Amino acid sequence: MNGNTILKEIRKTRDEHAKEHGYNVHKIFEQLRLETEKLKSEGWQVVNKQNLALNHK
């Protein structure tokens, strides 16, 4: 699989996800926030990149 094929698949998936939410960025991020909270409640460890950057100074 070459890089172009991978990028095409990523863009296709991204477009499908955006289409599901009417290309509304607020709805997209709300869905991502809800999914993150669901994963946390199931016991998954969710890493905050901002906290990681602060801890590596």
PDB file of N, CA and C in Angstrom:
ATOM      1  N   MET A   1       0.854  -1.171   0.000  1.00  0.00           N
ATOM      2  CA  MET A   1       0.000   0.000   0.000  1.00  0.00           C
ATOM      3  C   MET A   1       0.901   1.236   0.000  1.00  0.00           C
ATOM      4  N   ASN A   2       0.725   2.093  -0.963  1.00  0.00           N
ATOM      5  CA  ASN A   2       1.575   3.283  -0.996  1.00  0.00           C
ATOM      6  C   ASN A   2       0.926   4.432  -0.239  1.00  0.00           C
ATOM      7  N   GLY A   3       1.702   5.504   0.001  1.00  0.00           N
ATOM      8  CA  GLY A   3       1.225   6.646   0.768  1.00  0.00           C
ATOM      9  C   GLY A   3      -0.024   7.279   0.184  1.00  0.00           C
ATOM     10  N   ASN A   4      -0.120   7.323  -1.136  1.00  0.00           N
ATOM     11  CA  ASN A   4      -1.275   7.940  -1.776  1.00  0.00           C
ATOM     12  C   ASN A   4      -2.547   7.169  -1.449  1.00  0.00           C
ATOM     13  N   THR A   5      -2.477   5.864  -1.425  1.00  0.00           N
ATOM     14  CA  THR A   5      -3.628   5.030  -1.087  1.00  0.00           C
ATOM     15  C   THR A   5      -4.051   5.267   0.363  1.00  0.00           C
ATOM     16  N   ILE A   6      -3.078   5.364   1.243  1.00  0.00           N
ATOM     17  CA  ILE A   6      -3.364   5.601   2.652  1.00  0.00           C
ATOM     18  C   ILE A   6      -4.047   6.958   2.827  1.00  0.00           C
ATOM     19  N   LEU A   7      -3.513   7.982   2.173  1.00  0.00           N
ATOM     20  CA  LEU A   7      -4.115   9.312   2.276  1.00  0.00           C
ATOM     21  C   LEU A   7      -5.536   9.328   1.723  1.00  0.00           C
ATOM     22  N   LYS A   8      -5.763   8.619   0.637  1.00  0.00           N
ATOM     23  CA  LYS A   8      -7.115   8.551   0.067  1.00  0.00           C
ATOM     24  C   LYS A   8      -8.082   7.930   1.068  1.00  0.00           C
ATOM     25  N   GLU A   9      -7.658   6.869   1.739  1.00  0.00           N
ATOM     26  CA  GLU A   9      -8.513   6.197   2.721  1.00  0.00           C
ATOM     27  C   GLU A   9      -8.791   7.109   3.925  1.00  0.00           C
ATOM     28  N   ILE A  10      -7.755   7.812   4.393  1.00  0.00           N
ATOM     29  CA  ILE A  10      -7.927   8.743   5.507  1.00  0.00           C
ATOM     30  C   ILE A  10      -8.914   9.838   5.127  1.00  0.00           C
ATOM     31  N   ARG A  11      -8.752  10.405   3.942  1.00  0.00           N
ATOM     32  CA  ARG A  11      -9.643  11.486   3.498  1.00  0.00           C
ATOM     33  C   ARG A  11     -11.069  11.001   3.302  1.00  0.00           C
ATOM     34  N   LYS A  12     -11.219   9.772   2.815  1.00  0.00           N
ATOM     35  CA  LYS A  12     -12.556   9.197   2.627  1.00  0.00           C
ATOM     36  C   LYS A  12     -13.245   9.032   3.981  1.00  0.00           C
ATOM     37  N   THR A  13     -12.525   8.475   4.944  1.00  0.00           N
ATOM     38  CA  THR A  13     -13.076   8.260   6.278  1.00  0.00           C
ATOM     39  C   THR A  13     -13.415   9.590   6.940  1.00  0.00           C
ATOM     40  N   ARG A  14     -12.522  10.562   6.809  1.00  0.00           N
ATOM     41  CA  ARG A  14     -12.765  11.886   7.395  1.00  0.00           C
ATOM     42  C   ARG A  14     -14.006  12.528   6.787  1.00  0.00           C
ATOM     43  N   ASP A  15     -14.160  12.401   5.473  1.00  0.00           N
ATOM     44  CA  ASP A  15     -15.324  12.986   4.809  1.00  0.00           C
ATOM     45  C   ASP A  15     -16.612  12.289   5.237  1.00  0.00           C
ATOM     46  N   GLU A  16     -16.579  10.962   5.371  1.00  0.00           N
ATOM     47  CA  GLU A  16     -17.765  10.219   5.817  1.00  0.00           C
ATOM     48  C   GLU A  16     -18.173  10.661   7.226  1.00  0.00           C
ATOM     49  N   HIS A  17     -17.182  10.825   8.091  1.00  0.00           N
ATOM     50  CA  HIS A  17     -17.453  11.254   9.460  1.00  0.00           C
ATOM     51  C   HIS A  17     -18.056  12.657   9.466  1.00  0.00           C
ATOM     52  N   ALA A  18     -17.496  13.555   8.697  1.00  0.00           N
ATOM     53  CA  ALA A  18     -18.015  14.927   8.630  1.00  0.00           C
ATOM     54  C   ALA A  18     -19.422  14.952   8.034  1.00  0.00           C
ATOM     55  N   LYS A  19     -19.640  14.132   7.028  1.00  0.00           N
ATOM     56  CA  LYS A  19     -20.957  14.063   6.382  1.00  0.00           C
ATOM     57  C   LYS A  19     -22.030  13.618   7.369  1.00  0.00           C
ATOM     58  N   GLU A  20     -21.693  12.650   8.241  1.00  0.00           N
ATOM     59  CA  GLU A  20     -22.630  12.157   9.255  1.00  0.00           C
ATOM     60  C   GLU A  20     -23.109  13.279  10.174  1.00  0.00           C
ATOM     61  N   HIS A  21     -22.292  14.318  10.310  1.00  0.00           N
ATOM     62  CA  HIS A  21     -22.606  15.424  11.215  1.00  0.00           C
ATOM     63  C   HIS A  21     -22.915  16.710  10.446  1.00  0.00           C
ATOM     64  N   GLY A  22     -23.293  16.560   9.196  1.00  0.00           N
ATOM     65  CA  GLY A  22     -23.692  17.711   8.390  1.00  0.00           C
ATOM     66  C   GLY A  22     -22.563  18.700   8.155  1.00  0.00           C
ATOM     67  N   TYR A  23     -21.337  18.234   8.190  1.00  0.00           N
ATOM     68  CA  TYR A  23     -20.148  19.077   8.020  1.00  0.00           C
ATOM     69  C   TYR A  23     -20.124  20.225   9.031  1.00  0.00           C
ATOM     70  N   ASN A  24     -20.754  20.008  10.183  1.00  0.00           N
ATOM     71  CA  ASN A  24     -20.819  21.017  11.241  1.00  0.00           C
ATOM     72  C   ASN A  24     -19.720  20.709  12.255  1.00  0.00           C
ATOM     73  N   VAL A  25     -18.701  21.560  12.305  1.00  0.00           N
ATOM     74  CA  VAL A  25     -17.542  21.303  13.152  1.00  0.00           C
ATOM     75  C   VAL A  25     -17.927  21.220  14.633  1.00  0.00           C
ATOM     76  N   HIS A  26     -18.919  21.987  15.054  1.00  0.00           N
ATOM     77  CA  HIS A  26     -19.348  21.937  16.453  1.00  0.00           C
ATOM     78  C   HIS A  26     -19.959  20.571  16.787  1.00  0.00           C
ATOM     79  N   LYS A  27     -20.751  20.025  15.870  1.00  0.00           N
ATOM     80  CA  LYS A  27     -21.337  18.705  16.080  1.00  0.00           C
ATOM     81  C   LYS A  27     -20.265  17.618  16.063  1.00  0.00           C
ATOM     82  N   ILE A  28     -19.290  17.765  15.181  1.00  0.00           N
ATOM     83  CA  ILE A  28     -18.200  16.785  15.088  1.00  0.00           C
ATOM     84  C   ILE A  28     -17.433  16.734  16.411  1.00  0.00           C
ATOM     85  N   PHE A  29     -17.052  17.898  16.924  1.00  0.00           N
ATOM     86  CA  PHE A  29     -16.283  17.919  18.164  1.00  0.00           C
ATOM     87  C   PHE A  29     -17.112  17.506  19.364  1.00  0.00           C
ATOM     88  N   GLU A  30     -18.394  17.798  19.360  1.00  0.00           N
ATOM     89  CA  GLU A  30     -19.265  17.339  20.444  1.00  0.00           C
ATOM     90  C   GLU A  30     -19.326  15.811  20.449  1.00  0.00           C
ATOM     91  N   GLN A  31     -19.446  15.206  19.274  1.00  0.00           N
ATOM     92  CA  GLN A  31     -19.476  13.747  19.184  1.00  0.00           C
ATOM     93  C   GLN A  31     -18.151  13.159  19.667  1.00  0.00           C
ATOM     94  N   LEU A  32     -17.035  13.776  19.309  1.00  0.00           N
ATOM     95  CA  LEU A  32     -15.727  13.293  19.758  1.00  0.00           C
ATOM     96  C   LEU A  32     -15.589  13.420  21.279  1.00  0.00           C
ATOM     97  N   ARG A  33     -16.095  14.525  21.846  1.00  0.00           N
ATOM     98  CA  ARG A  33     -16.043  14.712  23.291  1.00  0.00           C
ATOM     99  C   ARG A  33     -16.869  13.637  23.995  1.00  0.00           C
ATOM    100  N   LEU A  34     -18.065  13.371  23.472  1.00  0.00           N
ATOM    101  CA  LEU A  34     -18.919  12.339  24.068  1.00  0.00           C
ATOM    102  C   LEU A  34     -18.272  10.960  23.983  1.00  0.00           C
ATOM    103  N   GLU A  35     -17.653  10.672  22.865  1.00  0.00           N
ATOM    104  CA  GLU A  35     -16.973   9.380  22.699  1.00  0.00           C
ATOM    105  C   GLU A  35     -15.813   9.260  23.681  1.00  0.00           C
ATOM    106  N   THR A  36     -15.082  10.343  23.896  1.00  0.00           N
ATOM    107  CA  THR A  36     -13.977  10.338  24.859  1.00  0.00           C
ATOM    108  C   THR A  36     -14.495  10.081  26.266  1.00  0.00           C
ATOM    109  N   GLU A  37     -15.581  10.735  26.638  1.00  0.00           N
ATOM    110  CA  GLU A  37     -16.171  10.524  27.962  1.00  0.00           C
ATOM    111  C   GLU A  37     -16.654   9.087  28.130  1.00  0.00           C
ATOM    112  N   LYS A  38     -17.222   8.512  27.067  1.00  0.00           N
ATOM    113  CA  LYS A  38     -17.676   7.122  27.101  1.00  0.00           C
ATOM    114  C   LYS A  38     -16.492   6.186  27.350  1.00  0.00           C
ATOM    115  N   LEU A  39     -15.399   6.417  26.650  1.00  0.00           N
ATOM    116  CA  LEU A  39     -14.212   5.584  26.817  1.00  0.00           C
ATOM    117  C   LEU A  39     -13.657   5.709  28.239  1.00  0.00           C
ATOM    118  N   LYS A  40     -13.631   6.930  28.779  1.00  0.00           N
ATOM    119  CA  LYS A  40     -13.167   7.133  30.157  1.00  0.00           C
ATOM    120  C   LYS A  40     -14.030   6.341  31.128  1.00  0.00           C
ATOM    121  N   SER A  41     -15.349   6.390  30.926  1.00  0.00           N
ATOM    122  CA  SER A  41     -16.260   5.689  31.843  1.00  0.00           C
ATOM    123  C   SER A  41     -16.106   4.171  31.749  1.00  0.00           C
ATOM    124  N   GLU A  42     -15.585   3.690  30.628  1.00  0.00           N
ATOM    125  CA  GLU A  42     -15.340   2.260  30.454  1.00  0.00           C
ATOM    126  C   GLU A  42     -13.978   1.844  31.002  1.00  0.00           C
ATOM    127  N   GLY A  43     -13.224   2.828  31.529  1.00  0.00           N
ATOM    128  CA  GLY A  43     -11.941   2.510  32.135  1.00  0.00           C
ATOM    129  C   GLY A  43     -10.728   2.761  31.256  1.00  0.00           C
ATOM    130  N   TRP A  44     -10.936   3.273  30.069  1.00  0.00           N
ATOM    131  CA  TRP A  44      -9.807   3.584  29.191  1.00  0.00           C
ATOM    132  C   TRP A  44      -9.060   4.789  29.741  1.00  0.00           C
ATOM    133  N   GLN A  45      -7.745   4.779  29.596  1.00  0.00           N
ATOM    134  CA  GLN A  45      -6.949   5.932  29.997  1.00  0.00           C
ATOM    135  C   GLN A  45      -6.901   6.896  28.821  1.00  0.00           C
ATOM    136  N   VAL A  46      -7.342   8.112  29.061  1.00  0.00           N
ATOM    137  CA  VAL A  46      -7.341   9.126  28.012  1.00  0.00           C
ATOM    138  C   VAL A  46      -6.227  10.107  28.328  1.00  0.00           C
ATOM    139  N   VAL A  47      -5.302  10.275  27.404  1.00  0.00           N
ATOM    140  CA  VAL A  47      -4.135  11.116  27.607  1.00  0.00           C
ATOM    141  C   VAL A  47      -4.437  12.520  27.108  1.00  0.00           C
ATOM    142  N   ASN A  48      -4.115  13.508  27.931  1.00  0.00           N
ATOM    143  CA  ASN A  48      -4.272  14.899  27.566  1.00  0.00           C
ATOM    144  C   ASN A  48      -2.928  15.401  27.057  1.00  0.00           C
ATOM    145  N   LYS A  49      -2.839  15.697  25.763  1.00  0.00           N
ATOM    146  CA  LYS A  49      -1.569  16.124  25.175  1.00  0.00           C
ATOM    147  C   LYS A  49      -1.042  17.400  25.811  1.00  0.00           C
ATOM    148  N   GLN A  50      -1.938  18.281  26.210  1.00  0.00           N
ATOM    149  CA  GLN A  50      -1.511  19.531  26.835  1.00  0.00           C
ATOM    150  C   GLN A  50      -0.787  19.239  28.148  1.00  0.00           C
ATOM    151  N   ASN A  51      -1.317  18.314  28.938  1.00  0.00           N
ATOM    152  CA  ASN A  51      -0.657  17.943  30.191  1.00  0.00           C
ATOM    153  C   ASN A  51       0.679  17.279  29.933  1.00  0.00           C
ATOM    154  N   LEU A  52       0.770  16.481  28.884  1.00  0.00           N
ATOM    155  CA  LEU A  52       2.040  15.833  28.558  1.00  0.00           C
ATOM    156  C   LEU A  52       3.112  16.872  28.248  1.00  0.00           C
ATOM    157  N   ALA A  53       2.748  17.896  27.473  1.00  0.00           N
ATOM    158  CA  ALA A  53       3.704  18.934  27.110  1.00  0.00           C
ATOM    159  C   ALA A  53       4.192  19.683  28.345  1.00  0.00           C
ATOM    160  N   LEU A  54       3.307  19.930  29.292  1.00  0.00           N
ATOM    161  CA  LEU A  54       3.687  20.647  30.503  1.00  0.00           C
ATOM    162  C   LEU A  54       4.616  19.823  31.388  1.00  0.00           C
ATOM    163  N   ASN A  55       4.446  18.502  31.384  1.00  0.00           N
ATOM    164  CA  ASN A  55       5.253  17.621  32.231  1.00  0.00           C
ATOM    165  C   ASN A  55       6.636  17.348  31.663  1.00  0.00           C
ATOM    166  N   HIS A  56       6.888  17.703  30.418  1.00  0.00           N
ATOM    167  CA  HIS A  56       8.172  17.395  29.786  1.00  0.00           C
ATOM    168  C   HIS A  56       9.071  18.615  29.637  1.00  0.00           C
ATOM    169  N   LYS A  57       8.817  19.644  30.421  1.00  0.00           N
ATOM    170  CA  LYS A  57       9.671  20.848  30.339  1.00  0.00           C
ATOM    171  C   LYS A  57      10.945  20.650  31.091  1.00  0.00           C
TER     172      LYS A  57
END
